[in-house]
Amino acid sequence: MKIALIGYGKMGHMIEEIALSRGHEIVSIIDIDNQQDFDSPAFASADVAIEFTAPHVAYDNFLKAFKHNVKVVSGSTGWIPQHGEDVKRMCTEEGKTLFWSSNFSVGVAIFSAVNTYLAKIMNRFDQYDVNMVETHHIHKLDAPSGTAITLAEQIIENLDRKERWGLHETKPEVLRIDDIRQKEVPGIHTITYDSPEDMITITHNAHNRHGFAMGAVLAAEYTATHTGLLTMEDLFKF
């Protein structure tokens, strides 16, 4: 498979290493200093582009890739509120393809499935209040994390007593999320259901970023033979 990389930071380098080890070819690497290469024959030859950049440029990167009919796998967050409907339209009506996830870790995909199932069970037991804590490295700029938001939305969808999530917000109808920035922590997400009698806690703790990069390459392999708006739920059907 021919892969283009959009964004060449730590994740980009790790994705390149894993992709090459799995027998794929990197045909184009685009970073901030060579944006003109979006219009190169090499980029247009890619089966899939893997995009890990910043929220304010992700949408434009999608458009540049779609212009050359290159499918995109993206882990960038923050673009959905403003551009989500437009991207959905392009993927459902115009034949474009985007595989998006706030977190490509296989472990997080499993954790998300457990989170959804647990929320469905806990909907019957309103003596339990639920909250979430996410911990990441000090370089992370967004809060809460995209993964925390995805997990929170899963809970809200299945737990009638929570209407929305809120950062550091304590109200009965709000799923409280607290963020911690600490050293070089790759990512920890802890969800707690607490009652006067006991507590139930589930946690995903990433040891490093390798799992995220591996998941992105697995997503690219899936995307190469599929179309539309794709997610981890398409890749892993639990």
Protein backbone atom coordinates (compact mmCIF):
# COMPACT_ATOMS: atom_id res chain seq x y z
CA MET A 1 0.00 0.00 0.00
CA LYS A 2 1.20 3.52 -0.79
CA ILE A 3 0.92 5.89 2.17
CA ALA A 4 1.31 9.65 2.40
CA LEU A 5 2.05 11.23 5.78
CA ILE A 6 0.55 14.61 6.67
CA GLY A 7 2.37 15.87 9.73
CA TYR A 8 5.85 14.61 10.58
CA GLY A 9 6.19 15.00 14.33
CA LYS A 10 6.70 12.19 16.83
CA MET A 11 3.57 10.37 15.69
CA GLY A 12 4.44 10.79 12.02
CA HIS A 13 7.88 9.28 12.53
CA MET A 14 6.47 6.37 14.52
CA ILE A 15 3.76 5.71 11.92
CA GLU A 16 6.40 5.72 9.19
CA GLU A 17 8.49 3.15 11.05
CA ILE A 18 5.54 0.81 11.63
CA ALA A 19 4.20 1.19 8.08
CA LEU A 20 7.58 0.32 6.57
CA SER A 21 7.93 -2.69 8.89
CA ARG A 22 4.56 -3.97 7.60
CA GLY A 23 5.70 -3.74 3.99
CA HIS A 24 4.05 -0.46 2.99
CA GLU A 25 5.61 2.35 0.97
CA ILE A 26 5.78 5.98 2.09
CA VAL A 27 5.37 7.97 -1.14
CA SER A 28 4.99 11.48 0.30
CA ILE A 29 5.70 13.29 3.57
CA ILE A 30 4.06 16.68 4.01
CA ASP A 31 4.89 19.02 6.86
CA ILE A 32 4.57 22.74 7.48
CA ASP A 33 7.48 23.67 5.19
CA ASN A 34 6.41 21.82 2.01
CA GLN A 35 2.65 22.37 1.67
CA GLN A 36 3.04 22.63 -2.10
CA ASP A 37 3.61 18.87 -2.20
CA PHE A 38 -0.13 18.32 -1.76
CA ASP A 39 -0.28 18.97 -5.52
CA SER A 40 2.57 16.61 -6.38
CA PRO A 41 2.17 13.42 -8.39
CA ALA A 42 3.71 11.51 -5.49
CA PHE A 43 0.98 12.59 -3.07
CA ALA A 44 -1.75 11.87 -5.64
CA SER A 45 -0.39 8.32 -6.02
CA ALA A 46 -1.09 7.47 -2.36
CA ASP A 47 -3.78 4.94 -1.53
CA VAL A 48 -4.25 6.56 1.88
CA ALA A 49 -2.93 9.66 3.66
CA ILE A 50 -2.43 9.48 7.44
CA GLU A 51 -2.97 12.88 9.04
CA PHE A 52 -1.82 13.89 12.55
CA THR A 53 -1.62 17.66 12.78
CA ALA A 54 -3.33 20.50 14.66
CA PRO A 55 -7.09 21.17 14.94
CA HIS A 56 -6.92 24.47 13.05
CA VAL A 57 -5.36 22.92 9.91
CA ALA A 58 -6.90 19.43 9.85
CA TYR A 59 -9.99 20.36 7.83
CA ASP A 60 -7.91 22.13 5.17
CA ASN A 61 -5.69 19.06 4.97
CA PHE A 62 -8.76 16.90 4.32
CA LEU A 63 -9.84 19.19 1.48
CA LYS A 64 -6.38 19.14 -0.12
CA ALA A 65 -6.29 15.34 0.01
CA PHE A 66 -9.86 14.94 -1.24
CA LYS A 67 -9.01 17.23 -4.16
CA HIS A 68 -6.70 14.47 -5.42
CA ASN A 69 -9.12 11.67 -4.43
CA VAL A 70 -6.78 10.46 -1.70
CA LYS A 71 -8.45 8.74 1.23
CA VAL A 72 -7.57 10.10 4.68
CA VAL A 73 -6.99 8.57 8.10
CA SER A 74 -6.96 11.29 10.76
CA GLY A 75 -6.35 11.49 14.48
CA SER A 76 -6.65 15.27 14.65
CA THR A 77 -9.33 16.60 16.99
CA GLY A 78 -11.18 19.88 17.40
CA TRP A 79 -12.44 20.33 13.82
CA ILE A 80 -15.79 18.54 14.22
CA PRO A 81 -17.92 21.33 15.77
CA GLN A 82 -17.27 23.66 12.85
CA HIS A 83 -16.69 21.28 9.95
CA GLY A 84 -18.17 17.92 10.97
CA GLU A 85 -21.36 18.19 8.95
CA ASP A 86 -19.49 19.30 5.84
CA VAL A 87 -17.07 16.37 6.07
CA LYS A 88 -19.98 13.96 6.64
CA ARG A 89 -21.69 15.32 3.51
CA MET A 90 -18.54 14.89 1.41
CA CYS A 91 -18.14 11.30 2.59
CA THR A 92 -21.79 10.30 2.18
CA GLU A 93 -22.71 12.25 -0.96
CA GLU A 94 -19.49 13.05 -2.83
CA GLY A 95 -17.59 9.77 -2.59
CA LYS A 96 -14.79 10.99 -0.30
CA THR A 97 -13.34 8.77 2.42
CA LEU A 98 -12.25 9.72 5.94
CA PHE A 99 -11.40 7.34 8.75
CA TRP A 100 -11.42 9.43 11.93
CA SER A 101 -10.81 8.54 15.54
CA SER A 102 -9.85 10.55 18.60
CA ASN A 103 -7.69 7.59 19.60
CA PHE A 104 -6.34 4.75 17.43
CA SER A 105 -5.17 2.50 20.26
CA VAL A 106 -6.55 -1.04 20.05
CA GLY A 107 -6.77 -1.00 23.85
CA VAL A 108 -8.85 2.18 23.79
CA ALA A 109 -11.19 0.59 21.23
CA ILE A 110 -11.75 -2.28 23.66
CA PHE A 111 -12.06 0.16 26.57
CA SER A 112 -14.67 2.16 24.63
CA ALA A 113 -16.76 -0.96 24.09
CA VAL A 114 -16.58 -1.74 27.82
CA ASN A 115 -17.44 1.89 28.64
CA THR A 116 -20.57 1.80 26.48
CA TYR A 117 -21.73 -1.53 27.90
CA LEU A 118 -21.12 -0.41 31.48
CA ALA A 119 -23.08 2.82 30.94
CA LYS A 120 -26.04 0.81 29.65
CA ILE A 121 -25.97 -1.33 32.79
CA MET A 122 -25.56 1.65 35.13
CA ASN A 123 -28.57 3.39 33.61
CA ARG A 124 -30.65 1.12 35.86
CA PHE A 125 -28.80 2.13 39.05
CA ASP A 126 -29.20 5.83 39.67
CA GLN A 127 -27.51 5.69 43.08
CA TYR A 128 -24.20 5.79 41.19
CA ASP A 129 -22.78 9.11 40.03
CA VAL A 130 -20.18 9.04 37.27
CA ASN A 131 -17.12 11.16 36.59
CA MET A 132 -13.97 10.97 34.51
CA VAL A 133 -10.31 11.95 34.94
CA GLU A 134 -7.91 12.16 32.00
CA THR A 135 -4.14 12.54 32.49
CA HIS A 136 -1.70 13.47 29.73
CA HIS A 137 1.78 14.92 29.18
CA ILE A 138 2.43 18.60 29.83
CA HIS A 139 2.77 19.33 26.08
CA LYS A 140 -0.88 18.53 25.35
CA LEU A 141 -2.73 21.76 24.59
CA ASP A 142 -6.38 20.68 24.40
CA ALA A 143 -8.52 19.80 27.40
CA PRO A 144 -10.34 17.59 27.85
CA SER A 145 -8.69 15.15 25.48
CA GLY A 146 -10.50 14.05 22.35
CA THR A 147 -10.61 10.53 23.76
CA ALA A 148 -12.23 11.79 26.97
CA ILE A 149 -14.88 13.61 24.94
CA THR A 150 -15.61 10.47 22.90
CA LEU A 151 -15.91 8.37 26.07
CA ALA A 152 -18.12 11.01 27.70
CA GLU A 153 -20.44 11.14 24.70
CA GLN A 154 -20.80 7.34 24.85
CA ILE A 155 -21.82 7.58 28.51
CA ILE A 156 -24.28 10.42 27.89
CA GLU A 157 -25.90 8.49 25.05
CA ASN A 158 -26.60 5.54 27.34
CA LEU A 159 -27.07 7.14 30.77
CA ASP A 160 -30.33 9.06 30.99
CA ARG A 161 -29.35 11.08 34.07
CA LYS A 162 -26.45 12.82 32.32
CA GLU A 163 -27.32 15.49 29.75
CA ARG A 164 -23.84 16.74 28.83
CA TRP A 165 -20.21 16.72 29.95
CA GLY A 166 -18.40 19.63 31.60
CA LEU A 167 -14.76 20.32 32.43
CA HIS A 168 -14.43 20.72 36.23
CA GLU A 169 -18.21 21.25 36.41
CA THR A 170 -20.22 19.74 39.25
CA LYS A 171 -23.96 19.50 38.59
CA PRO A 172 -26.23 16.43 38.86
CA GLU A 173 -27.02 16.44 35.13
CA VAL A 174 -23.38 17.01 34.07
CA LEU A 175 -20.71 14.34 33.57
CA ARG A 176 -17.71 15.98 35.22
CA ILE A 177 -14.32 15.61 33.50
CA ASP A 178 -11.10 16.61 35.25
CA ASP A 179 -7.85 17.04 33.34
CA ILE A 180 -4.34 16.54 34.73
CA ARG A 181 -1.13 17.46 32.87
CA GLN A 182 1.85 15.55 34.21
CA LYS A 183 5.39 14.98 32.92
CA GLU A 184 5.43 12.75 29.80
CA VAL A 185 2.31 10.64 30.46
CA PRO A 186 1.06 9.23 27.09
CA GLY A 187 -2.55 9.02 28.29
CA ILE A 188 -4.64 7.70 31.18
CA HIS A 189 -8.45 7.72 31.21
CA THR A 190 -10.32 6.71 34.35
CA ILE A 191 -14.12 6.46 34.65
CA THR A 192 -15.63 6.09 38.11
CA TYR A 193 -19.14 5.19 39.20
CA ASP A 194 -19.48 6.09 42.89
CA SER A 195 -22.34 5.39 45.31
CA PRO A 196 -22.70 5.66 49.10
CA GLU A 197 -22.07 1.91 49.30
CA ASP A 198 -19.25 1.26 46.83
CA MET A 199 -17.31 2.36 43.78
CA ILE A 200 -16.72 0.88 40.32
CA THR A 201 -13.71 2.12 38.33
CA ILE A 202 -12.40 1.31 34.85
CA THR A 203 -9.07 2.67 33.56
CA HIS A 204 -7.08 2.63 30.35
CA ASN A 205 -3.39 3.44 30.83
CA ALA A 206 -1.21 3.79 27.72
CA HIS A 207 2.41 2.78 28.33
CA ASN A 208 3.64 4.64 25.22
CA ARG A 209 2.49 6.08 21.89
CA HIS A 210 3.31 2.94 19.89
CA GLY A 211 -0.23 1.60 20.24
CA PHE A 212 -1.68 4.79 18.74
CA ALA A 213 0.67 4.61 15.75
CA MET A 214 0.00 0.90 15.17
CA GLY A 215 -3.73 1.52 15.26
CA ALA A 216 -3.41 4.31 12.69
CA VAL A 217 -1.61 1.97 10.30
CA LEU A 218 -4.25 -0.74 10.85
CA ALA A 219 -6.90 1.89 10.10
CA ALA A 220 -5.07 2.85 6.89
CA GLU A 221 -4.99 -0.80 5.79
CA TYR A 222 -8.75 -1.01 6.37
CA THR A 223 -9.44 2.33 4.67
CA ALA A 224 -7.58 1.31 1.52
CA THR A 225 -10.40 -1.12 0.69
CA HIS A 226 -13.39 0.76 2.17
CA THR A 227 -15.14 4.05 1.52
CA GLY A 228 -17.20 6.68 3.32
CA LEU A 229 -17.00 8.04 6.86
CA LEU A 230 -15.25 5.34 8.88
CA THR A 231 -14.48 4.91 12.58
CA MET A 232 -12.89 2.42 14.96
CA GLU A 233 -16.31 0.79 15.29
CA ASP A 234 -15.99 -0.22 11.64
CA LEU A 235 -12.48 -1.58 12.13
CA PHE A 236 -13.27 -3.47 15.34
CA LYS A 237 -16.80 -4.83 15.61
CA PHE A 238 -17.25 -5.78 19.27
